[in-house]
C-alpha atoms as a PDB file:
ATOM      1  CA  MET A   1     -20.243  19.704  15.778  1.00  0.00           C
ATOM      2  CA  ASN A   2     -18.546  16.326  16.254  1.00  0.00           C
ATOM      3  CA  VAL A   3     -15.843  16.603  18.934  1.00  0.00           C
ATOM      4  CA  VAL A   4     -13.811  13.624  20.090  1.00  0.00           C
ATOM      5  CA  ARG A   5     -11.202  14.057  22.803  1.00  0.00           C
ATOM      6  CA  ARG A   6      -7.857  12.332  22.630  1.00  0.00           C
ATOM      7  CA  ALA A   7      -4.460  12.441  24.258  1.00  0.00           C
ATOM      8  CA  PHE A   8      -1.718  13.774  22.023  1.00  0.00           C
ATOM      9  CA  VAL A   9       1.800  12.422  22.319  1.00  0.00           C
ATOM     10  CA  LYS A  10       4.357  14.402  20.377  1.00  0.00           C
ATOM     11  CA  PRO A  11       6.557  12.151  18.213  1.00  0.00           C
ATOM     12  CA  SER A  12      10.212  12.341  19.169  1.00  0.00           C
ATOM     13  CA  ASN A  13      11.596  12.694  15.648  1.00  0.00           C
ATOM     14  CA  PHE A  14      10.168  12.911  12.152  1.00  0.00           C
ATOM     15  CA  GLY A  15      13.397  13.209  10.232  1.00  0.00           C
ATOM     16  CA  HIS A  16      16.553  11.382   9.276  1.00  0.00           C
ATOM     17  CA  CYS A  17      17.749   8.298  11.106  1.00  0.00           C
ATOM     18  CA  GLY A  18      21.132   6.646  11.170  1.00  0.00           C
ATOM     19  CA  THR A  19      22.188   3.177  10.030  1.00  0.00           C
ATOM     20  CA  GLN A  20      19.698   0.525  11.116  1.00  0.00           C
ATOM     21  CA  LYS A  21      20.259  -3.100  12.079  1.00  0.00           C
ATOM     22  CA  ILE A  22      19.424  -5.495   9.238  1.00  0.00           C
ATOM     23  CA  LEU A  23      17.024  -8.212  10.309  1.00  0.00           C
ATOM     24  CA  ARG A  24      17.993 -11.081   8.018  1.00  0.00           C
ATOM     25  CA  PHE A  25      21.363 -10.366   6.433  1.00  0.00           C
ATOM     26  CA  PRO A  26      24.738  -9.917   8.138  1.00  0.00           C
ATOM     27  CA  MET A  27      26.117  -6.401   7.751  1.00  0.00           C
ATOM     28  CA  THR A  28      29.438  -7.696   6.418  1.00  0.00           C
ATOM     29  CA  SER A  29      28.131  -9.965   3.662  1.00  0.00           C
ATOM     30  CA  ARG A  30      24.722  -8.810   2.460  1.00  0.00           C
ATOM     31  CA  PRO A  31      24.514  -7.559  -1.145  1.00  0.00           C
ATOM     32  CA  ASN A  32      23.012  -4.222  -2.144  1.00  0.00           C
ATOM     33  CA  THR A  33      19.272  -4.052  -1.377  1.00  0.00           C
ATOM     34  CA  VAL A  34      18.282  -3.159  -4.938  1.00  0.00           C
ATOM     35  CA  GLN A  35      20.425  -6.024  -6.270  1.00  0.00           C
ATOM     36  CA  ARG A  36      18.682  -8.494  -3.945  1.00  0.00           C
ATOM     37  CA  LEU A  37      15.261  -7.343  -5.086  1.00  0.00           C
ATOM     38  CA  GLU A  38      16.332  -7.589  -8.713  1.00  0.00           C
ATOM     39  CA  GLN A  39      17.611 -11.149  -8.190  1.00  0.00           C
ATOM     40  CA  HIS A  40      14.323 -12.249  -6.618  1.00  0.00           C
ATOM     41  CA  LEU A  41      12.265 -10.694  -9.405  1.00  0.00           C
ATOM     42  CA  ARG A  42      14.319 -12.358 -12.121  1.00  0.00           C
ATOM     43  CA  PHE A  43      14.197 -15.704 -10.317  1.00  0.00           C
ATOM     44  CA  ILE A  44      10.423 -15.927 -10.042  1.00  0.00           C
ATOM     45  CA  SER A  45       9.150 -14.036 -13.075  1.00  0.00           C
ATOM     46  CA  SER A  46       9.749 -13.702 -16.766  1.00  0.00           C
ATOM     47  CA  SER A  47       8.649 -10.039 -16.611  1.00  0.00           C
ATOM     48  CA  PRO A  48      11.079  -7.478 -18.063  1.00  0.00           C
ATOM     49  CA  SER A  49      13.134  -5.338 -15.681  1.00  0.00           C
ATOM     50  CA  THR A  50      11.384  -2.216 -16.971  1.00  0.00           C
ATOM     51  CA  THR A  51       7.625  -1.703 -17.256  1.00  0.00           C
ATOM     52  CA  MET A  52       5.751   1.388 -18.332  1.00  0.00           C
ATOM     53  CA  ALA A  53       2.784   2.572 -16.268  1.00  0.00           C
ATOM     54  CA  SER A  54       0.956   3.387 -19.511  1.00  0.00           C
ATOM     55  CA  GLN A  55       0.672  -0.370 -20.182  1.00  0.00           C
ATOM     56  CA  TYR A  56      -1.966  -0.611 -17.452  1.00  0.00           C
ATOM     57  CA  THR A  57      -5.630   0.382 -17.611  1.00  0.00           C
ATOM     58  CA  SER A  58      -8.661  -0.152 -15.382  1.00  0.00           C
ATOM     59  CA  ARG A  59     -11.683  -2.366 -16.067  1.00  0.00           C
ATOM     60  CA  LEU A  60     -14.654  -1.049 -14.084  1.00  0.00           C
ATOM     61  CA  VAL A  61     -17.279  -3.627 -13.106  1.00  0.00           C
ATOM     62  CA  GLY A  62     -20.483  -2.551 -11.372  1.00  0.00           C
ATOM     63  CA  ALA A  63     -21.270   0.938 -10.142  1.00  0.00           C
ATOM     64  CA  ALA A  64     -18.864   2.727  -7.815  1.00  0.00           C
ATOM     65  CA  ASN A  65     -20.135   3.085  -4.232  1.00  0.00           C
ATOM     66  CA  THR A  66     -21.895  -0.308  -4.347  1.00  0.00           C
ATOM     67  CA  LEU A  67     -21.045  -3.712  -2.895  1.00  0.00           C
ATOM     68  CA  GLU A  68     -20.676  -5.163  -6.400  1.00  0.00           C
ATOM     69  CA  HIS A  69     -18.129  -2.639  -7.664  1.00  0.00           C
ATOM     70  CA  ARG A  70     -14.749  -4.020  -8.736  1.00  0.00           C
ATOM     71  CA  VAL A  71     -11.767  -2.440 -10.477  1.00  0.00           C
ATOM     72  CA  TYR A  72      -9.675  -4.986 -12.384  1.00  0.00           C
ATOM     73  CA  ILE A  73      -6.245  -4.028 -13.706  1.00  0.00           C
ATOM     74  CA  GLU A  74      -5.509  -4.754 -17.357  1.00  0.00           C
ATOM     75  CA  GLN A  75      -2.179  -4.887 -19.155  1.00  0.00           C
ATOM     76  CA  ASN A  76      -2.545  -4.446 -22.895  1.00  0.00           C
ATOM     77  CA  GLY A  77      -6.163  -5.606 -22.634  1.00  0.00           C
ATOM     78  CA  SER A  78      -5.589  -8.674 -20.416  1.00  0.00           C
ATOM     79  CA  VAL A  79      -6.585  -8.742 -16.740  1.00  0.00           C
ATOM     80  CA  VAL A  80      -3.607  -9.082 -14.396  1.00  0.00           C
ATOM     81  CA  SER A  81      -3.341  -9.350 -10.630  1.00  0.00           C
ATOM     82  CA  PRO A  82      -2.150  -6.139  -8.939  1.00  0.00           C
ATOM     83  CA  PHE A  83      -1.007  -8.343  -6.065  1.00  0.00           C
ATOM     84  CA  HIS A  84       1.065 -10.801  -8.113  1.00  0.00           C
ATOM     85  CA  ASP A  85       1.474  -9.932 -11.818  1.00  0.00           C
ATOM     86  CA  ILE A  86       2.536  -6.283 -11.813  1.00  0.00           C
ATOM     87  CA  PRO A  87       6.297  -6.193 -11.154  1.00  0.00           C
ATOM     88  CA  LEU A  88       7.500  -4.513  -7.984  1.00  0.00           C
ATOM     89  CA  PHE A  89      10.113  -2.651 -10.002  1.00  0.00           C
ATOM     90  CA  ALA A  90       9.226  -0.344 -12.879  1.00  0.00           C
ATOM     91  CA  ASP A  91      12.934   0.174 -13.588  1.00  0.00           C
ATOM     92  CA  VAL A  92      15.435  -1.966 -11.702  1.00  0.00           C
ATOM     93  CA  ASN A  93      18.486   0.036 -12.762  1.00  0.00           C
ATOM     94  CA  GLN A  94      16.996   3.366 -11.639  1.00  0.00           C
ATOM     95  CA  GLY A  95      15.398   1.984  -8.469  1.00  0.00           C
ATOM     96  CA  ILE A  96      11.908   3.024  -9.591  1.00  0.00           C
ATOM     97  CA  PHE A  97       8.920   1.080  -8.273  1.00  0.00           C
ATOM     98  CA  ASN A  98       5.386   0.397  -9.462  1.00  0.00           C
ATOM     99  CA  MET A  99       2.636   1.518  -7.099  1.00  0.00           C
ATOM    100  CA  VAL A 100      -1.048   0.624  -7.443  1.00  0.00           C
ATOM    101  CA  VAL A 101      -3.367   3.467  -6.391  1.00  0.00           C
ATOM    102  CA  GLU A 102      -6.272   2.221  -4.285  1.00  0.00           C
ATOM    103  CA  VAL A 103      -7.525   5.507  -2.786  1.00  0.00           C
ATOM    104  CA  PRO A 104      -6.951   8.808  -4.623  1.00  0.00           C
ATOM    105  CA  ARG A 105      -6.106  11.850  -2.524  1.00  0.00           C
ATOM    106  CA  TRP A 106      -9.089  13.726  -0.981  1.00  0.00           C
ATOM    107  CA  THR A 107     -11.457  10.763  -1.385  1.00  0.00           C
ATOM    108  CA  ASN A 108     -13.077   8.760   1.421  1.00  0.00           C
ATOM    109  CA  ALA A 109     -14.060   5.361   0.012  1.00  0.00           C
ATOM    110  CA  LYS A 110     -11.704   2.791   1.545  1.00  0.00           C
ATOM    111  CA  MET A 111     -10.767   0.918  -1.605  1.00  0.00           C
ATOM    112  CA  GLU A 112      -8.293  -1.960  -1.361  1.00  0.00           C
ATOM    113  CA  ILE A 113      -6.846  -4.848  -3.320  1.00  0.00           C
ATOM    114  CA  SER A 114      -8.977  -7.912  -2.595  1.00  0.00           C
ATOM    115  CA  LYS A 115      -6.500 -10.547  -1.444  1.00  0.00           C
ATOM    116  CA  GLU A 116      -9.125 -13.285  -1.462  1.00  0.00           C
ATOM    117  CA  GLU A 117     -10.745 -12.886  -4.899  1.00  0.00           C
ATOM    118  CA  ALA A 118      -9.266 -14.347  -8.082  1.00  0.00           C
ATOM    119  CA  PHE A 119      -6.881 -11.923  -9.797  1.00  0.00           C
ATOM    120  CA  ASN A 120      -7.300  -9.549  -6.855  1.00  0.00           C
ATOM    121  CA  PRO A 121      -9.544  -6.746  -8.118  1.00  0.00           C
ATOM    122  CA  ILE A 122      -9.761  -3.529  -6.114  1.00  0.00           C
ATOM    123  CA  LYS A 123     -13.004  -3.247  -4.148  1.00  0.00           C
ATOM    124  CA  GLN A 124     -14.409  -1.127  -1.344  1.00  0.00           C
ATOM    125  CA  ASP A 125     -13.856  -2.453   2.154  1.00  0.00           C
ATOM    126  CA  ILE A 126     -16.963  -3.619   4.013  1.00  0.00           C
ATOM    127  CA  LYS A 127     -17.676  -3.446   7.734  1.00  0.00           C
ATOM    128  CA  LYS A 128     -20.811  -5.066   9.177  1.00  0.00           C
ATOM    129  CA  GLY A 129     -22.266  -5.373   5.696  1.00  0.00           C
ATOM    130  CA  ARG A 130     -21.832  -1.685   4.867  1.00  0.00           C
ATOM    131  CA  LEU A 131     -19.383   0.086   2.596  1.00  0.00           C
ATOM    132  CA  ARG A 132     -16.550   1.649   4.548  1.00  0.00           C
ATOM    133  CA  TYR A 133     -15.620   5.330   4.237  1.00  0.00           C
ATOM    134  CA  VAL A 134     -12.816   6.985   6.173  1.00  0.00           C
ATOM    135  CA  ARG A 135     -13.957   9.896   8.355  1.00  0.00           C
ATOM    136  CA  ASN A 136     -12.843  13.492   7.823  1.00  0.00           C
ATOM    137  CA  CYS A 137     -10.786  14.561  10.841  1.00  0.00           C
ATOM    138  CA  PHE A 138     -10.404  18.347  10.712  1.00  0.00           C
ATOM    139  CA  PRO A 139      -8.533  19.875   8.929  1.00  0.00           C
ATOM    140  CA  HIS A 140      -8.077  16.801   6.707  1.00  0.00           C
ATOM    141  CA  HIS A 141     -10.544  15.698   4.049  1.00  0.00           C
ATOM    142  CA  GLY A 142     -10.366  12.026   3.096  1.00  0.00           C
ATOM    143  CA  TYR A 143      -6.907  10.648   2.446  1.00  0.00           C
ATOM    144  CA  ILE A 144      -4.177  13.301   2.252  1.00  0.00           C
ATOM    145  CA  TRP A 145      -2.034  11.454  -0.307  1.00  0.00           C
ATOM    146  CA  ASN A 146      -2.615   8.985  -3.113  1.00  0.00           C
ATOM    147  CA  TYR A 147      -2.817   5.820  -1.055  1.00  0.00           C
ATOM    148  CA  GLY A 148      -2.137   2.360  -2.382  1.00  0.00           C
ATOM    149  CA  ALA A 149       0.174  -0.632  -2.344  1.00  0.00           C
ATOM    150  CA  PHE A 150       3.354  -2.087  -3.762  1.00  0.00           C
ATOM    151  CA  PRO A 151       2.659  -5.159  -5.936  1.00  0.00           C
ATOM    152  CA  GLN A 152       4.568  -8.347  -5.185  1.00  0.00           C
ATOM    153  CA  THR A 153       4.864  -7.545  -1.459  1.00  0.00           C
ATOM    154  CA  TRP A 154       3.157  -9.083   1.569  1.00  0.00           C
ATOM    155  CA  GLU A 155       3.316  -8.389   5.298  1.00  0.00           C
ATOM    156  CA  ASP A 156       3.425 -11.951   6.611  1.00  0.00           C
ATOM    157  CA  PRO A 157       1.109 -12.318   9.652  1.00  0.00           C
ATOM    158  CA  SER A 158       3.189 -15.218  10.974  1.00  0.00           C
ATOM    159  CA  GLN A 159       6.419 -13.214  11.189  1.00  0.00           C
ATOM    160  CA  LEU A 160       7.240 -11.077  14.237  1.00  0.00           C
ATOM    161  CA  HIS A 161       9.284  -8.022  13.313  1.00  0.00           C
ATOM    162  CA  ALA A 162      12.367  -7.742  15.524  1.00  0.00           C
ATOM    163  CA  GLU A 163      12.037  -3.999  16.133  1.00  0.00           C
ATOM    164  CA  THR A 164       8.286  -3.339  16.134  1.00  0.00           C
ATOM    165  CA  LYS A 165       7.614  -6.486  18.210  1.00  0.00           C
ATOM    166  CA  ALA A 166       4.447  -7.091  16.187  1.00  0.00           C
ATOM    167  CA  LYS A 167       3.466  -9.406  13.334  1.00  0.00           C
ATOM    168  CA  GLY A 168       2.552  -8.351   9.797  1.00  0.00           C
ATOM    169  CA  ASP A 169      -0.988  -7.293   8.896  1.00  0.00           C
ATOM    170  CA  ASN A 170      -1.529  -9.809   6.043  1.00  0.00           C
ATOM    171  CA  ASP A 171      -1.669  -7.089   3.354  1.00  0.00           C
ATOM    172  CA  PRO A 172       0.523  -5.864   0.522  1.00  0.00           C
ATOM    173  CA  LEU A 173       2.877  -3.099   1.647  1.00  0.00           C
ATOM    174  CA  ASP A 174       1.002   0.220   1.991  1.00  0.00           C
ATOM    175  CA  VAL A 175       2.253   3.276   0.091  1.00  0.00           C
ATOM    176  CA  CYS A 176       1.586   7.022   0.505  1.00  0.00           C
ATOM    177  CA  GLU A 177       2.387   8.921  -2.707  1.00  0.00           C
ATOM    178  CA  ILE A 178       2.911  12.606  -1.873  1.00  0.00           C
ATOM    179  CA  GLY A 179       3.092  14.171  -5.343  1.00  0.00           C
ATOM    180  CA  GLU A 180       0.759  16.942  -6.494  1.00  0.00           C
ATOM    181  CA  GLN A 181      -1.219  14.954  -9.085  1.00  0.00           C
ATOM    182  CA  VAL A 182      -4.428  13.327  -7.840  1.00  0.00           C
ATOM    183  CA  GLY A 183      -4.519   9.707  -8.991  1.00  0.00           C
ATOM    184  CA  TYR A 184      -7.425   7.374  -9.747  1.00  0.00           C
ATOM    185  CA  VAL A 185      -8.435   3.933  -8.505  1.00  0.00           C
ATOM    186  CA  GLY A 186      -6.370   1.290 -10.285  1.00  0.00           C
ATOM    187  CA  GLN A 187      -3.737   3.696 -11.593  1.00  0.00           C
ATOM    188  CA  VAL A 188      -0.214   2.264 -11.747  1.00  0.00           C
ATOM    189  CA  LYS A 189       2.229   5.012 -10.819  1.00  0.00           C
ATOM    190  CA  GLN A 190       6.002   4.889 -11.120  1.00  0.00           C
ATOM    191  CA  VAL A 191       7.502   6.138  -7.876  1.00  0.00           C
ATOM    192  CA  LYS A 192      10.751   6.615  -5.983  1.00  0.00           C
ATOM    193  CA  VAL A 193      11.052   5.604  -2.325  1.00  0.00           C
ATOM    194  CA  LEU A 194      11.775   8.302   0.277  1.00  0.00           C
ATOM    195  CA  GLY A 195      11.169   6.715   3.680  1.00  0.00           C
ATOM    196  CA  ILE A 196       8.829   4.674   5.851  1.00  0.00           C
ATOM    197  CA  MET A 197       6.711   4.840   9.014  1.00  0.00           C
ATOM    198  CA  ALA A 198       5.670   1.906  11.215  1.00  0.00           C
ATOM    199  CA  LEU A 199       2.033   2.139  12.304  1.00  0.00           C
ATOM    200  CA  LEU A 200       0.945  -0.303  14.998  1.00  0.00           C
ATOM    201  CA  ASP A 201      -2.662  -0.975  14.036  1.00  0.00           C
ATOM    202  CA  GLU A 202      -4.602  -3.114  16.512  1.00  0.00           C
ATOM    203  CA  GLY A 203      -1.454  -4.998  17.493  1.00  0.00           C
ATOM    204  CA  GLU A 204      -0.119  -5.544  13.964  1.00  0.00           C
ATOM    205  CA  THR A 205       2.803  -3.960  12.124  1.00  0.00           C
ATOM    206  CA  ASP A 206       1.391  -1.836   9.299  1.00  0.00           C
ATOM    207  CA  TRP A 207       4.220  -0.209   7.362  1.00  0.00           C
ATOM    208  CA  LYS A 208       3.548   3.009   5.415  1.00  0.00           C
ATOM    209  CA  VAL A 209       6.113   3.699   2.696  1.00  0.00           C
ATOM    210  CA  ILE A 210       6.497   7.364   1.705  1.00  0.00           C
ATOM    211  CA  VAL A 211       7.062   7.788  -2.048  1.00  0.00           C
ATOM    212  CA  VAL A 212       6.768  10.391  -4.808  1.00  0.00           C
ATOM    213  CA  ASP A 213       5.664  10.028  -8.422  1.00  0.00           C
ATOM    214  CA  VAL A 214       8.727  10.243 -10.682  1.00  0.00           C
ATOM    215  CA  LEU A 215       6.833  12.726 -12.881  1.00  0.00           C
ATOM    216  CA  ASP A 216       6.156  15.141 -10.022  1.00  0.00           C
ATOM    217  CA  PRO A 217       7.820  18.571 -10.363  1.00  0.00           C
ATOM    218  CA  LEU A 218       9.635  18.019  -7.051  1.00  0.00           C
ATOM    219  CA  ALA A 219      10.760  14.454  -7.782  1.00  0.00           C
ATOM    220  CA  SER A 220      14.347  15.455  -8.595  1.00  0.00           C
ATOM    221  CA  LYS A 221      14.627  17.267  -5.247  1.00  0.00           C
ATOM    222  CA  LEU A 222      13.081  14.521  -3.124  1.00  0.00           C
ATOM    223  CA  ASN A 223      15.591  11.708  -2.581  1.00  0.00           C
ATOM    224  CA  ASP A 224      15.308  10.805   1.116  1.00  0.00           C
ATOM    225  CA  ILE A 225      13.005  11.441   4.038  1.00  0.00           C
ATOM    226  CA  GLU A 226      14.724  14.636   5.217  1.00  0.00           C
ATOM    227  CA  ASP A 227      14.022  16.191   1.804  1.00  0.00           C
ATOM    228  CA  VAL A 228      10.282  15.907   2.453  1.00  0.00           C
ATOM    229  CA  GLU A 229      10.411  18.269   5.432  1.00  0.00           C
ATOM    230  CA  ARG A 230      12.687  20.625   3.508  1.00  0.00           C
ATOM    231  CA  HIS A 231      10.428  20.954   0.465  1.00  0.00           C
ATOM    232  CA  LEU A 232       7.016  19.959   1.886  1.00  0.00           C
ATOM    233  CA  PRO A 233       7.168  21.236   5.477  1.00  0.00           C
ATOM    234  CA  GLY A 234       4.532  19.775   7.765  1.00  0.00           C
ATOM    235  CA  LEU A 235       3.583  16.818   5.574  1.00  0.00           C
ATOM    236  CA  ILE A 236       5.323  14.136   7.650  1.00  0.00           C
ATOM    237  CA  ARG A 237       3.802  15.550  10.836  1.00  0.00           C
ATOM    238  CA  ALA A 238       0.358  15.652   9.192  1.00  0.00           C
ATOM    239  CA  THR A 239       0.823  12.063   7.989  1.00  0.00           C
ATOM    240  CA  ASN A 240       1.638  10.955  11.517  1.00  0.00           C
ATOM    241  CA  GLU A 241      -1.405  12.761  12.890  1.00  0.00           C
ATOM    242  CA  TRP A 242      -3.718  11.409  10.187  1.00  0.00           C
ATOM    243  CA  PHE A 243      -2.864   7.788  10.942  1.00  0.00           C
ATOM    244  CA  ARG A 244      -3.028   8.377  14.699  1.00  0.00           C
ATOM    245  CA  ILE A 245      -6.534   9.815  14.762  1.00  0.00           C
ATOM    246  CA  TYR A 246      -8.459   8.562  11.731  1.00  0.00           C
ATOM    247  CA  LYS A 247     -10.243   5.762  13.614  1.00  0.00           C
ATOM    248  CA  ILE A 248     -11.246   7.878  16.618  1.00  0.00           C
ATOM    249  CA  PRO A 249     -14.590   9.057  15.124  1.00  0.00           C
ATOM    250  CA  ASP A 250     -15.582   5.380  14.835  1.00  0.00           C
ATOM    251  CA  GLY A 251     -15.097   4.889  18.563  1.00  0.00           C
ATOM    252  CA  LYS A 252     -11.656   3.284  18.390  1.00  0.00           C
ATOM    253  CA  PRO A 253      -8.584   4.420  20.342  1.00  0.00           C
ATOM    254  CA  GLU A 254      -5.783   6.457  18.875  1.00  0.00           C
ATOM    255  CA  ASN A 255      -3.302   4.416  16.850  1.00  0.00           C
ATOM    256  CA  THR A 256       0.334   4.228  17.898  1.00  0.00           C
ATOM    257  CA  PHE A 257       3.618   4.052  16.024  1.00  0.00           C
ATOM    258  CA  ALA A 258       6.847   2.168  16.487  1.00  0.00           C
ATOM    259  CA  PHE A 259       9.998   4.293  16.793  1.00  0.00           C
ATOM    260  CA  SER A 260       7.980   7.014  18.607  1.00  0.00           C
ATOM    261  CA  GLY A 261       6.468   8.056  15.293  1.00  0.00           C
ATOM    262  CA  GLU A 262       9.793   8.659  13.572  1.00  0.00           C
ATOM    263  CA  ALA A 263       9.828   8.440   9.787  1.00  0.00           C
ATOM    264  CA  LYS A 264      12.754   6.191   8.878  1.00  0.00           C
ATOM    265  CA  ASN A 265      14.982   6.960   5.929  1.00  0.00           C
ATOM    266  CA  LYS A 266      15.133   5.478   2.435  1.00  0.00           C
ATOM    267  CA  LYS A 267      17.763   2.898   3.363  1.00  0.00           C
ATOM    268  CA  TYR A 268      15.576   1.473   6.093  1.00  0.00           C
ATOM    269  CA  ALA A 269      12.533   1.558   3.815  1.00  0.00           C
ATOM    270  CA  MET A 270      14.377  -0.448   1.169  1.00  0.00           C
ATOM    271  CA  GLU A 271      15.155  -3.152   3.716  1.00  0.00           C
ATOM    272  CA  ILE A 272      11.482  -3.431   4.669  1.00  0.00           C
ATOM    273  CA  ILE A 273      10.469  -3.564   1.000  1.00  0.00           C
ATOM    274  CA  HIS A 274      12.948  -6.397   0.486  1.00  0.00           C
ATOM    275  CA  GLU A 275      11.566  -8.313   3.482  1.00  0.00           C
ATOM    276  CA  CYS A 276       7.979  -7.933   2.281  1.00  0.00           C
ATOM    277  CA  HIS A 277       8.915  -8.894  -1.269  1.00  0.00           C
ATOM    278  CA  GLU A 278      10.685 -11.978   0.053  1.00  0.00           C
ATOM    279  CA  ALA A 279       7.585 -12.868   2.110  1.00  0.00           C
ATOM    280  CA  TRP A 280       5.483 -12.520  -1.053  1.00  0.00           C
ATOM    281  CA  ARG A 281       7.939 -14.714  -2.981  1.00  0.00           C
ATOM    282  CA  ARG A 282       7.462 -17.492  -0.431  1.00  0.00           C
ATOM    283  CA  LEU A 283       3.693 -17.075  -0.734  1.00  0.00           C
ATOM    284  CA  ILE A 284       3.495 -17.090  -4.533  1.00  0.00           C
ATOM    285  CA  THR A 285       5.824 -20.094  -4.909  1.00  0.00           C
ATOM    286  CA  GLY A 286       3.979 -22.150  -2.282  1.00  0.00           C
ATOM    287  CA  ASP A 287       6.716 -22.118   0.354  1.00  0.00           C
ATOM    288  CA  THR A 288       4.225 -20.316   2.601  1.00  0.00           C
ATOM    289  CA  PRO A 289       0.654 -21.675   2.408  1.00  0.00           C
ATOM    290  CA  ALA A 290      -1.920 -19.372   0.820  1.00  0.00           C
ATOM    291  CA  LYS A 291      -4.666 -20.903   2.979  1.00  0.00           C
ATOM    292  CA  THR A 292      -4.489 -21.280   6.758  1.00  0.00           C
ATOM    293  CA  PRO A 293      -7.096 -21.241   9.550  1.00  0.00           C
ATOM    294  CA  SER A 294      -6.704 -17.437   9.735  1.00  0.00           C
ATOM    295  CA  TYR A 295      -6.628 -16.441   6.047  1.00  0.00           C
ATOM    296  CA  ASP A 296      -7.389 -17.674   2.521  1.00  0.00           C
ATOM    297  CA  LEU A 297      -5.470 -15.742  -0.145  1.00  0.00           C
ATOM    298  CA  SER A 298      -5.803 -15.992  -3.911  1.00  0.00           C
ATOM    299  CA  ILE A 299      -2.449 -16.439  -5.633  1.00  0.00           C
ATOM    300  CA  ARG A 300      -3.906 -16.790  -9.135  1.00  0.00           C
ATOM    301  CA  ASN A 301      -1.711 -15.085 -11.689  1.00  0.00           C
ATOM    302  CA  ILE A 302      -0.859 -15.228 -15.403  1.00  0.00           C
ATOM    303  CA  THR A 303       2.876 -14.414 -15.341  1.00  0.00           C
ATOM    304  CA  ILE A 304       4.660 -16.596 -12.753  1.00  0.00           C
ATOM    305  CA  GLN A 305       4.843 -20.066 -14.236  1.00  0.00           C
ATOM    306  CA  ASN A 306       6.564 -21.729 -11.271  1.00  0.00           C
ATOM    307  CA  SER A 307       3.711 -20.647  -8.982  1.00  0.00           C
ATOM    308  CA  PRO A 308       0.979 -23.117  -7.956  1.00  0.00           C
ATOM    309  CA  GLY A 309      -1.452 -20.277  -8.695  1.00  0.00           C
ATOM    310  CA  PHE A 310      -0.384 -19.850 -12.332  1.00  0.00           C
ATOM    311  CA  VAL A 311      -3.379 -19.747 -14.719  1.00  0.00           C
ATOM    312  CA  ARG A 312      -3.227 -19.877 -18.508  1.00  0.00           C
ATOM    313  CA  ARG A 313      -5.286 -17.342 -20.402  1.00  0.00           C
ATOM    314  CA  ASP A 314      -7.415 -20.091 -21.958  1.00  0.00           C
ATOM    315  CA  ASP A 315      -8.377 -21.416 -18.501  1.00  0.00           C
ATOM    316  CA  PRO A 316     -12.165 -21.223 -17.863  1.00  0.00           C
ATOM    317  CA  SER A 317     -11.604 -19.338 -14.599  1.00  0.00           C
ATOM    318  CA  TYR A 318      -9.728 -16.621 -16.477  1.00  0.00           C
ATOM    319  CA  ALA A 319     -12.423 -16.385 -19.130  1.00  0.00           C
ATOM    320  CA  ALA A 320     -15.013 -15.976 -16.353  1.00  0.00           C
ATOM    321  CA  ILE A 321     -13.699 -12.551 -15.299  1.00  0.00           C
ATOM    322  CA  PRO A 322     -16.638 -10.164 -15.820  1.00  0.00           C
ATOM    323  CA  PRO A 323     -16.518  -7.576 -18.601  1.00  0.00           C
ATOM    324  CA  ALA A 324     -16.571  -3.830 -18.008  1.00  0.00           C
ATOM    325  CA  SER A 325     -20.046  -2.510 -17.255  1.00  0.00           C
ATOM    326  CA  GLY A 326     -19.637   1.271 -17.364  1.00  0.00           C
ATOM    327  CA  ARG A 327     -22.395   2.010 -14.857  1.00  0.00           C
ATOM    328  CA  PRO A 328     -22.533   5.510 -13.318  1.00  0.00           C
ATOM    329  CA  PRO A 329     -21.514   5.829  -9.640  1.00  0.00           C
ATOM    330  CA  ALA A 330     -24.203   5.356  -7.024  1.00  0.00           C
ATOM    331  CA  PRO A 331     -24.911   8.352  -4.759  1.00  0.00           C
ATOM    332  CA  ILE A 332     -22.910   8.654  -1.534  1.00  0.00           C
ATOM    333  CA  ASP A 333     -24.561   9.310   1.819  1.00  0.00           C
ATOM    334  CA  PRO A 334     -24.062  13.029   2.656  1.00  0.00           C
ATOM    335  CA  SER A 335     -22.744  12.060   6.106  1.00  0.00           C
ATOM    336  CA  VAL A 336     -19.497  10.959   4.441  1.00  0.00           C
ATOM    337  CA  SER A 337     -18.633  14.662   4.002  1.00  0.00           C
ATOM    338  CA  LYS A 338     -19.045  15.459   7.710  1.00  0.00           C
ATOM    339  CA  TRP A 339     -16.020  16.850   9.570  1.00  0.00           C
ATOM    340  CA  PHE A 340     -14.988  15.495  12.968  1.00  0.00           C
ATOM    341  CA  TYR A 341     -13.079  17.800  15.311  1.00  0.00           C
ATOM    342  CA  ILE A 342     -10.538  15.931  17.411  1.00  0.00           C
ATOM    343  CA  SER A 343      -9.708  17.700  20.682  1.00  0.00           C
ATOM    344  CA  SER A 344      -6.111  17.198  21.857  1.00  0.00           C
ATOM    345  CA  ALA A 345      -5.032  16.973  25.481  1.00  0.00           C
ATOM    346  CA  SER A 346      -1.331  17.328  26.169  1.00  0.00           C
ATOM    347  CA  VAL A 347       0.154  14.558  28.320  1.00  0.00           C
END
């Protein structure tokens, strides 16, 4: 039995919050959040305001569970960047977003969009030269939602958030999709935003947006964060616990949250999405450097012509993207299935 002791601090509130202070726009003059996002998207991209998830497919390179494995995203047969080319909005008018699934529910392999590689394929995270798998903290097995990211967003590591008092984690905005369908790596889901949580991960702000697939049977009933507790009781609390304890089996301390673990409402989440989309806009247009002493990001894309990273499809670097290989998955070490029992101590 694997038992790790921890101190448990009960979050003060997991439900609805009131009106929040806006960080960049005066309350009296700022336009509607969705309108601002729409304006930014139309300014930087020629993409249509509506995209269908069925346009996107996955190109599998190398065998899963190996260092060489990559999942490229294709749109109508052409590789696109899930970081830069897939529009943030699936439907601007309906407020529906595109989400890229990195880790399907109940799986352990820590897959993520590679920010550094050209066209940003999804690959498995590596730690000390070994593939990284998230531990199973009883009663959870793997990830408890379809976990992924919003395209065309970036948590700027140079920007200190006024309320969390921590800088961004240099990743696209993380998303937890709580619908009943189990996704697959590289799937592009169309989702509606419900709320957001602010994890403080090793001193960085690491936002977790709570969303639901628009095709889920409960989608029409889930419109804000308080609806999640009403229709899926216990899920927000389990989400908080999962993020707090998932690194403990690896010898790291319990994670903490801003706002005492409270899940903020949809309105607040939309403001954070706007901020992270604006940070990405500065990155993709060159206003923020893609290479600094602390990071080196690939901004190669095939859709944003005013970006210094724009690449034409006849460019040799685009033609060099490897073809699909169709190799069977490599076996996974049986230890990945082990459960870890986390002992709580009330404080």
